[in-house]
């Protein structure tokens, strides 16, 4: 890890952890020696970051002089808080951690009055129905989707039938009771939707389908919209 990256990570850790953050906590989080933590705190202060505290007591990041304040309307800020807290609840571990980190970044860059609103927001997100356990690495799945690389996995459908699939991953959708992958299935030669909790033995292949992901995703979504519209029309006719 370069020194610049290390200092950036320390700033993020100071934003994320409840203050005051001790050198021991920072050392555990960043897997470094306390001596290195003390040196990096001094380096950040010399670069303009206002960090209150001292060794043996803990540190509190007061402000980051290198970052200008962000301008948000109060409603915009509450929308961000609600959205990010929802991601922290429903996202995979990497995404949930990123949501908490993003909240800490926003809090560090908004004016004090809005930082207080963010810290004590009246909006929150909870899920009272437990989501099915997901065994695959969702962060790796998201990376393969962005990279437009085909993936392989074993799948168990709603009837218990098991098949080996290779698909082109197009996008992930987080629903109220489960999370799904929209994809082009090589086995069925058609668009399919797969529940993440029914996927096993996920592997990334060497087959790239770039640059077709975005138009394929649009077509997949359009088919879903047409199917929903057709089903709704049939129901109206039946009534």
C-alpha atoms as a PDB file:
ATOM      1  CA  UNK A   1       0.000   0.000   0.000  1.00  0.00           C
ATOM      2  CA  UNK A   2       1.415   3.398  -0.987  1.00  0.00           C
ATOM      3  CA  UNK A   3       1.728   6.142   1.624  1.00  0.00           C
ATOM      4  CA  UNK A   4      -0.834   8.298  -0.185  1.00  0.00           C
ATOM      5  CA  UNK A   5      -3.348   5.462  -0.230  1.00  0.00           C
ATOM      6  CA  UNK A   6      -2.614   4.702   3.419  1.00  0.00           C
ATOM      7  CA  UNK A   7      -3.293   8.305   4.456  1.00  0.00           C
ATOM      8  CA  UNK A   8      -6.524   8.331   2.458  1.00  0.00           C
ATOM      9  CA  UNK A   9      -7.615   5.117   4.150  1.00  0.00           C
ATOM     10  CA  UNK A  10      -6.846   6.600   7.554  1.00  0.00           C
ATOM     11  CA  UNK A  11      -9.064   9.606   6.806  1.00  0.00           C
ATOM     12  CA  UNK A  12     -11.873   7.252   5.828  1.00  0.00           C
ATOM     13  CA  UNK A  13     -11.417   5.212   8.991  1.00  0.00           C
ATOM     14  CA  UNK A  14     -11.491   8.334  11.158  1.00  0.00           C
ATOM     15  CA  UNK A  15     -14.757   9.355   9.478  1.00  0.00           C
ATOM     16  CA  UNK A  16     -16.321   5.919   9.859  1.00  0.00           C
ATOM     17  CA  UNK A  17     -15.494   4.951  13.450  1.00  0.00           C
ATOM     18  CA  UNK A  18     -17.214   6.612  16.436  1.00  0.00           C
ATOM     19  CA  UNK A  19     -14.881   9.269  17.908  1.00  0.00           C
ATOM     20  CA  UNK A  20     -12.566   9.436  19.651  1.00  0.00           C
ATOM     21  CA  UNK A  21     -10.698   6.739  17.704  1.00  0.00           C
ATOM     22  CA  UNK A  22      -7.700   5.336  19.537  1.00  0.00           C
ATOM     23  CA  UNK A  23      -4.388   4.539  17.881  1.00  0.00           C
ATOM     24  CA  UNK A  24      -4.991   0.913  18.812  1.00  0.00           C
ATOM     25  CA  UNK A  25      -8.300   0.907  16.923  1.00  0.00           C
ATOM     26  CA  UNK A  26      -6.673   2.492  13.886  1.00  0.00           C
ATOM     27  CA  UNK A  27      -3.806  -0.004  14.037  1.00  0.00           C
ATOM     28  CA  UNK A  28      -6.263  -2.938  14.133  1.00  0.00           C
ATOM     29  CA  UNK A  29      -8.411  -1.534  11.304  1.00  0.00           C
ATOM     30  CA  UNK A  30      -5.473  -0.763   9.025  1.00  0.00           C
ATOM     31  CA  UNK A  31      -3.227  -3.630  10.153  1.00  0.00           C
ATOM     32  CA  UNK A  32      -0.332  -1.331  11.011  1.00  0.00           C
ATOM     33  CA  UNK A  33       1.791  -0.593  14.045  1.00  0.00           C
ATOM     34  CA  UNK A  34       0.759   2.185  16.467  1.00  0.00           C
ATOM     35  CA  UNK A  35       4.044   3.943  15.659  1.00  0.00           C
ATOM     36  CA  UNK A  36       3.027   4.176  11.988  1.00  0.00           C
ATOM     37  CA  UNK A  37      -0.403   5.470  13.050  1.00  0.00           C
ATOM     38  CA  UNK A  38       1.189   8.288  15.099  1.00  0.00           C
ATOM     39  CA  UNK A  39       3.407   9.291  12.155  1.00  0.00           C
ATOM     40  CA  UNK A  40       0.466   9.295   9.750  1.00  0.00           C
ATOM     41  CA  UNK A  41      -1.666  11.404  12.094  1.00  0.00           C
ATOM     42  CA  UNK A  42       1.139  13.985  12.166  1.00  0.00           C
ATOM     43  CA  UNK A  43       1.384  13.823   8.355  1.00  0.00           C
ATOM     44  CA  UNK A  44      -2.343  14.419   7.922  1.00  0.00           C
ATOM     45  CA  UNK A  45      -2.227  17.376  10.288  1.00  0.00           C
ATOM     46  CA  UNK A  46       0.675  18.888   8.353  1.00  0.00           C
ATOM     47  CA  UNK A  47      -1.412  18.561   5.164  1.00  0.00           C
ATOM     48  CA  UNK A  48      -4.268  20.600   6.672  1.00  0.00           C
ATOM     49  CA  UNK A  49      -6.589  18.033   8.224  1.00  0.00           C
ATOM     50  CA  UNK A  50      -7.890  19.182  11.616  1.00  0.00           C
ATOM     51  CA  UNK A  51      -7.624  16.159  13.924  1.00  0.00           C
ATOM     52  CA  UNK A  52      -8.340  16.696  17.606  1.00  0.00           C
ATOM     53  CA  UNK A  53      -6.890  14.450  20.314  1.00  0.00           C
ATOM     54  CA  UNK A  54      -3.617  12.831  21.242  1.00  0.00           C
ATOM     55  CA  UNK A  55      -1.946   9.516  21.969  1.00  0.00           C
ATOM     56  CA  UNK A  56      -3.567   7.698  24.886  1.00  0.00           C
ATOM     57  CA  UNK A  57      -6.889   9.515  24.473  1.00  0.00           C
ATOM     58  CA  UNK A  58      -7.970   9.079  20.865  1.00  0.00           C
ATOM     59  CA  UNK A  59      -8.494  11.154  17.750  1.00  0.00           C
ATOM     60  CA  UNK A  60     -11.485  12.978  16.284  1.00  0.00           C
ATOM     61  CA  UNK A  61     -11.532  14.269  12.715  1.00  0.00           C
ATOM     62  CA  UNK A  62     -12.942  17.797  12.962  1.00  0.00           C
ATOM     63  CA  UNK A  63     -12.712  18.743   9.302  1.00  0.00           C
ATOM     64  CA  UNK A  64     -10.859  18.017   6.117  1.00  0.00           C
ATOM     65  CA  UNK A  65      -9.480  21.298   4.807  1.00  0.00           C
ATOM     66  CA  UNK A  66      -8.730  19.725   1.420  1.00  0.00           C
ATOM     67  CA  UNK A  67     -12.410  19.082   0.701  1.00  0.00           C
ATOM     68  CA  UNK A  68     -14.906  21.880   0.017  1.00  0.00           C
ATOM     69  CA  UNK A  69     -18.365  21.756   1.625  1.00  0.00           C
ATOM     70  CA  UNK A  70     -21.070  19.994  -0.347  1.00  0.00           C
ATOM     71  CA  UNK A  71     -24.340  21.764  -1.026  1.00  0.00           C
ATOM     72  CA  UNK A  72     -27.499  19.740  -0.387  1.00  0.00           C
ATOM     73  CA  UNK A  73     -31.072  20.715   0.261  1.00  0.00           C
ATOM     74  CA  UNK A  74     -32.344  19.198   3.522  1.00  0.00           C
ATOM     75  CA  UNK A  75     -34.677  16.844   1.634  1.00  0.00           C
ATOM     76  CA  UNK A  76     -31.815  15.766  -0.635  1.00  0.00           C
ATOM     77  CA  UNK A  77     -29.693  14.969   2.389  1.00  0.00           C
ATOM     78  CA  UNK A  78     -32.450  12.905   4.006  1.00  0.00           C
ATOM     79  CA  UNK A  79     -32.988  11.038   0.725  1.00  0.00           C
ATOM     80  CA  UNK A  80     -29.279  10.190   0.648  1.00  0.00           C
ATOM     81  CA  UNK A  81     -29.335   9.035   4.261  1.00  0.00           C
ATOM     82  CA  UNK A  82     -32.369   6.824   3.705  1.00  0.00           C
ATOM     83  CA  UNK A  83     -30.982   5.350   0.501  1.00  0.00           C
ATOM     84  CA  UNK A  84     -27.552   4.592   1.926  1.00  0.00           C
ATOM     85  CA  UNK A  85     -28.974   3.123   5.135  1.00  0.00           C
ATOM     86  CA  UNK A  86     -31.190   0.889   3.028  1.00  0.00           C
ATOM     87  CA  UNK A  87     -28.145  -0.288   1.070  1.00  0.00           C
ATOM     88  CA  UNK A  88     -26.378  -0.976   4.368  1.00  0.00           C
ATOM     89  CA  UNK A  89     -29.289  -3.283   5.264  1.00  0.00           C
ATOM     90  CA  UNK A  90     -29.895  -5.124   1.974  1.00  0.00           C
ATOM     91  CA  UNK A  91     -26.494  -5.018   0.279  1.00  0.00           C
ATOM     92  CA  UNK A  92     -23.791  -7.665   0.306  1.00  0.00           C
ATOM     93  CA  UNK A  93     -21.024  -7.095   2.915  1.00  0.00           C
ATOM     94  CA  UNK A  94     -18.806  -5.071   0.556  1.00  0.00           C
ATOM     95  CA  UNK A  95     -21.703  -2.900  -0.613  1.00  0.00           C
ATOM     96  CA  UNK A  96     -22.993  -2.394   2.924  1.00  0.00           C
ATOM     97  CA  UNK A  97     -19.530  -1.280   4.053  1.00  0.00           C
ATOM     98  CA  UNK A  98     -19.336   1.107   1.087  1.00  0.00           C
ATOM     99  CA  UNK A  99     -22.699   2.633   2.050  1.00  0.00           C
ATOM    100  CA  UNK A 100     -21.514   3.297   5.603  1.00  0.00           C
ATOM    101  CA  UNK A 101     -18.287   4.796   4.257  1.00  0.00           C
ATOM    102  CA  UNK A 102     -20.226   7.046   1.863  1.00  0.00           C
ATOM    103  CA  UNK A 103     -22.364   8.325   4.745  1.00  0.00           C
ATOM    104  CA  UNK A 104     -19.205   9.152   6.689  1.00  0.00           C
ATOM    105  CA  UNK A 105     -17.788  11.042   3.678  1.00  0.00           C
ATOM    106  CA  UNK A 106     -20.955  13.085   3.280  1.00  0.00           C
ATOM    107  CA  UNK A 107     -21.057  13.915   6.982  1.00  0.00           C
ATOM    108  CA  UNK A 108     -17.455  15.164   6.797  1.00  0.00           C
ATOM    109  CA  UNK A 109     -18.185  17.514   3.890  1.00  0.00           C
ATOM    110  CA  UNK A 110     -21.548  19.109   4.679  1.00  0.00           C
ATOM    111  CA  UNK A 111     -21.976  22.203   6.883  1.00  0.00           C
ATOM    112  CA  UNK A 112     -22.235  21.590  10.669  1.00  0.00           C
ATOM    113  CA  UNK A 113     -26.025  22.070  10.783  1.00  0.00           C
ATOM    114  CA  UNK A 114     -26.556  19.444   8.105  1.00  0.00           C
ATOM    115  CA  UNK A 115     -23.950  17.142   9.643  1.00  0.00           C
ATOM    116  CA  UNK A 116     -26.134  17.214  12.761  1.00  0.00           C
ATOM    117  CA  UNK A 117     -29.221  16.361  10.672  1.00  0.00           C
ATOM    118  CA  UNK A 118     -27.335  13.487   9.095  1.00  0.00           C
ATOM    119  CA  UNK A 119     -26.106  12.174  12.443  1.00  0.00           C
ATOM    120  CA  UNK A 120     -29.607  12.314  13.968  1.00  0.00           C
ATOM    121  CA  UNK A 121     -31.728  11.686  10.875  1.00  0.00           C
ATOM    122  CA  UNK A 122     -35.423  11.035  11.403  1.00  0.00           C
ATOM    123  CA  UNK A 123     -35.423   8.476   8.579  1.00  0.00           C
ATOM    124  CA  UNK A 124     -34.042   4.960   8.790  1.00  0.00           C
ATOM    125  CA  UNK A 125     -34.331   1.642   6.947  1.00  0.00           C
ATOM    126  CA  UNK A 126     -35.067  -1.791   8.408  1.00  0.00           C
ATOM    127  CA  UNK A 127     -36.024  -5.205   7.071  1.00  0.00           C
ATOM    128  CA  UNK A 128     -38.141  -7.282   9.439  1.00  0.00           C
ATOM    129  CA  UNK A 129     -38.175 -10.297   7.102  1.00  0.00           C
ATOM    130  CA  UNK A 130     -34.855 -12.126   7.007  1.00  0.00           C
ATOM    131  CA  UNK A 131     -33.315 -12.326   3.552  1.00  0.00           C
ATOM    132  CA  UNK A 132     -32.314 -15.812   2.314  1.00  0.00           C
ATOM    133  CA  UNK A 133     -28.654 -16.614   2.908  1.00  0.00           C
ATOM    134  CA  UNK A 134     -26.414 -16.024  -0.116  1.00  0.00           C
ATOM    135  CA  UNK A 135     -23.363 -18.253  -0.489  1.00  0.00           C
ATOM    136  CA  UNK A 136     -21.696 -16.729  -3.534  1.00  0.00           C
ATOM    137  CA  UNK A 137     -19.354 -13.721  -3.499  1.00  0.00           C
ATOM    138  CA  UNK A 138     -21.735 -10.944  -4.593  1.00  0.00           C
ATOM    139  CA  UNK A 139     -18.911  -8.397  -4.817  1.00  0.00           C
ATOM    140  CA  UNK A 140     -17.159 -10.669  -7.342  1.00  0.00           C
ATOM    141  CA  UNK A 141     -20.450 -11.055  -9.218  1.00  0.00           C
ATOM    142  CA  UNK A 142     -20.863  -7.277  -9.406  1.00  0.00           C
ATOM    143  CA  UNK A 143     -17.280  -6.962 -10.673  1.00  0.00           C
ATOM    144  CA  UNK A 144     -17.888  -9.538 -13.411  1.00  0.00           C
ATOM    145  CA  UNK A 145     -21.057  -7.692 -14.425  1.00  0.00           C
ATOM    146  CA  UNK A 146     -19.212  -4.386 -14.716  1.00  0.00           C
ATOM    147  CA  UNK A 147     -16.383  -6.084 -16.622  1.00  0.00           C
ATOM    148  CA  UNK A 148     -18.922  -7.757 -18.953  1.00  0.00           C
ATOM    149  CA  UNK A 149     -17.464 -11.215 -18.392  1.00  0.00           C
ATOM    150  CA  UNK A 150     -19.552 -14.393 -18.464  1.00  0.00           C
ATOM    151  CA  UNK A 151     -19.923 -16.375 -15.257  1.00  0.00           C
ATOM    152  CA  UNK A 152     -20.644 -20.018 -14.414  1.00  0.00           C
ATOM    153  CA  UNK A 153     -22.525 -21.452 -11.437  1.00  0.00           C
ATOM    154  CA  UNK A 154     -24.766 -24.296 -10.279  1.00  0.00           C
ATOM    155  CA  UNK A 155     -28.424 -23.369  -9.905  1.00  0.00           C
ATOM    156  CA  UNK A 156     -31.360 -24.900  -8.044  1.00  0.00           C
ATOM    157  CA  UNK A 157     -34.730 -23.684  -9.348  1.00  0.00           C
ATOM    158  CA  UNK A 158     -38.025 -23.376  -7.470  1.00  0.00           C
ATOM    159  CA  UNK A 159     -38.857 -27.024  -8.143  1.00  0.00           C
ATOM    160  CA  UNK A 160     -35.535 -28.261  -6.792  1.00  0.00           C
ATOM    161  CA  UNK A 161     -34.073 -29.111 -10.213  1.00  0.00           C
ATOM    162  CA  UNK A 162     -30.330 -28.487 -10.385  1.00  0.00           C
ATOM    163  CA  UNK A 163     -28.486 -27.334 -13.499  1.00  0.00           C
ATOM    164  CA  UNK A 164     -25.065 -25.977 -14.421  1.00  0.00           C
ATOM    165  CA  UNK A 165     -25.361 -22.538 -15.997  1.00  0.00           C
ATOM    166  CA  UNK A 166     -23.119 -20.150 -17.884  1.00  0.00           C
ATOM    167  CA  UNK A 167     -24.618 -16.697 -18.299  1.00  0.00           C
ATOM    168  CA  UNK A 168     -23.808 -13.151 -19.313  1.00  0.00           C
ATOM    169  CA  UNK A 169     -24.592 -11.103 -16.158  1.00  0.00           C
ATOM    170  CA  UNK A 170     -26.505  -7.917 -16.980  1.00  0.00           C
ATOM    171  CA  UNK A 171     -27.582  -6.418 -13.655  1.00  0.00           C
ATOM    172  CA  UNK A 172     -28.607  -7.118 -10.071  1.00  0.00           C
ATOM    173  CA  UNK A 173     -31.961  -6.199  -8.553  1.00  0.00           C
ATOM    174  CA  UNK A 174     -32.511  -5.977  -4.791  1.00  0.00           C
ATOM    175  CA  UNK A 175     -36.122  -6.936  -4.078  1.00  0.00           C
ATOM    176  CA  UNK A 176     -38.011  -6.868  -0.799  1.00  0.00           C
ATOM    177  CA  UNK A 177     -37.598 -10.601  -0.098  1.00  0.00           C
ATOM    178  CA  UNK A 178     -34.701 -11.686  -2.283  1.00  0.00           C
ATOM    179  CA  UNK A 179     -31.938 -10.461  -4.598  1.00  0.00           C
ATOM    180  CA  UNK A 180     -31.812 -11.504  -8.241  1.00  0.00           C
ATOM    181  CA  UNK A 181     -29.454 -11.485 -11.204  1.00  0.00           C
ATOM    182  CA  UNK A 182     -30.745 -10.554 -14.656  1.00  0.00           C
ATOM    183  CA  UNK A 183     -28.754 -12.372 -17.305  1.00  0.00           C
ATOM    184  CA  UNK A 184     -28.597 -13.978 -20.746  1.00  0.00           C
ATOM    185  CA  UNK A 185     -28.509 -17.738 -20.191  1.00  0.00           C
ATOM    186  CA  UNK A 186     -26.348 -19.749 -22.600  1.00  0.00           C
ATOM    187  CA  UNK A 187     -28.187 -22.970 -21.714  1.00  0.00           C
ATOM    188  CA  UNK A 188     -31.678 -21.615 -22.437  1.00  0.00           C
ATOM    189  CA  UNK A 189     -30.486 -19.174 -25.131  1.00  0.00           C
ATOM    190  CA  UNK A 190     -32.753 -16.529 -23.673  1.00  0.00           C
ATOM    191  CA  UNK A 191     -33.013 -13.932 -20.915  1.00  0.00           C
ATOM    192  CA  UNK A 192     -33.433 -15.353 -17.430  1.00  0.00           C
ATOM    193  CA  UNK A 193     -33.613 -14.087 -13.846  1.00  0.00           C
ATOM    194  CA  UNK A 194     -31.741 -15.998 -11.115  1.00  0.00           C
ATOM    195  CA  UNK A 195     -32.138 -15.740  -7.347  1.00  0.00           C
ATOM    196  CA  UNK A 196     -28.744 -15.196  -5.746  1.00  0.00           C
ATOM    197  CA  UNK A 197     -29.572 -17.488  -2.809  1.00  0.00           C
ATOM    198  CA  UNK A 198     -30.068 -20.398  -5.234  1.00  0.00           C
ATOM    199  CA  UNK A 199     -26.678 -19.981  -6.892  1.00  0.00           C
ATOM    200  CA  UNK A 200     -23.721 -22.153  -5.866  1.00  0.00           C
ATOM    201  CA  UNK A 201     -20.089 -22.607  -6.952  1.00  0.00           C
ATOM    202  CA  UNK A 202     -19.823 -19.231  -8.654  1.00  0.00           C
ATOM    203  CA  UNK A 203     -16.901 -18.850 -11.084  1.00  0.00           C
ATOM    204  CA  UNK A 204     -15.771 -16.100 -13.400  1.00  0.00           C
ATOM    205  CA  UNK A 205     -14.920 -17.241 -16.932  1.00  0.00           C
ATOM    206  CA  UNK A 206     -12.539 -15.788 -19.521  1.00  0.00           C
ATOM    207  CA  UNK A 207     -15.356 -15.082 -22.003  1.00  0.00           C
ATOM    208  CA  UNK A 208     -16.081 -11.390 -22.558  1.00  0.00           C
ATOM    209  CA  UNK A 209     -19.399 -10.206 -23.997  1.00  0.00           C
ATOM    210  CA  UNK A 210     -18.412  -6.535 -24.092  1.00  0.00           C
ATOM    211  CA  UNK A 211     -19.872  -4.150 -25.233  1.00  0.00           C
ATOM    212  CA  UNK A 212     -23.324  -5.751 -25.313  1.00  0.00           C
ATOM    213  CA  UNK A 213     -24.325  -5.552 -21.638  1.00  0.00           C
ATOM    214  CA  UNK A 214     -26.238  -2.248 -21.701  1.00  0.00           C
ATOM    215  CA  UNK A 215     -28.379  -2.963 -24.816  1.00  0.00           C
ATOM    216  CA  UNK A 216     -29.028  -6.525 -23.580  1.00  0.00           C
ATOM    217  CA  UNK A 217     -30.108  -5.192 -20.188  1.00  0.00           C
ATOM    218  CA  UNK A 218     -32.451  -2.709 -21.848  1.00  0.00           C
ATOM    219  CA  UNK A 219     -34.027  -5.506 -23.902  1.00  0.00           C
ATOM    220  CA  UNK A 220     -34.387  -7.721 -20.830  1.00  0.00           C
ATOM    221  CA  UNK A 221     -36.118  -4.923 -18.877  1.00  0.00           C
ATOM    222  CA  UNK A 222     -38.379  -4.120 -21.826  1.00  0.00           C
ATOM    223  CA  UNK A 223     -39.492  -7.749 -22.039  1.00  0.00           C
ATOM    224  CA  UNK A 224     -40.303  -7.704 -18.317  1.00  0.00           C
ATOM    225  CA  UNK A 225     -42.333  -4.492 -18.752  1.00  0.00           C
ATOM    226  CA  UNK A 226     -44.279  -5.985 -21.668  1.00  0.00           C
ATOM    227  CA  UNK A 227     -44.980  -9.156 -19.683  1.00  0.00           C
ATOM    228  CA  UNK A 228     -46.231  -7.126 -16.713  1.00  0.00           C
ATOM    229  CA  UNK A 229     -48.440  -5.019 -18.992  1.00  0.00           C
ATOM    230  CA  UNK A 230     -49.835  -8.138 -20.711  1.00  0.00           C
ATOM    231  CA  UNK A 231     -50.570  -9.846 -17.400  1.00  0.00           C
ATOM    232  CA  UNK A 232     -52.318  -6.738 -16.075  1.00  0.00           C
ATOM    233  CA  UNK A 233     -54.414  -6.478 -19.249  1.00  0.00           C
ATOM    234  CA  UNK A 234     -55.438 -10.126 -18.993  1.00  0.00           C
ATOM    235  CA  UNK A 235     -56.536  -9.592 -15.409  1.00  0.00           C
ATOM    236  CA  UNK A 236     -58.629  -6.581 -16.375  1.00  0.00           C
ATOM    237  CA  UNK A 237     -60.262  -8.552 -19.183  1.00  0.00           C
ATOM    238  CA  UNK A 238     -60.958 -11.484 -16.861  1.00  0.00           C
ATOM    239  CA  UNK A 239     -62.613  -9.200 -14.321  1.00  0.00           C
END
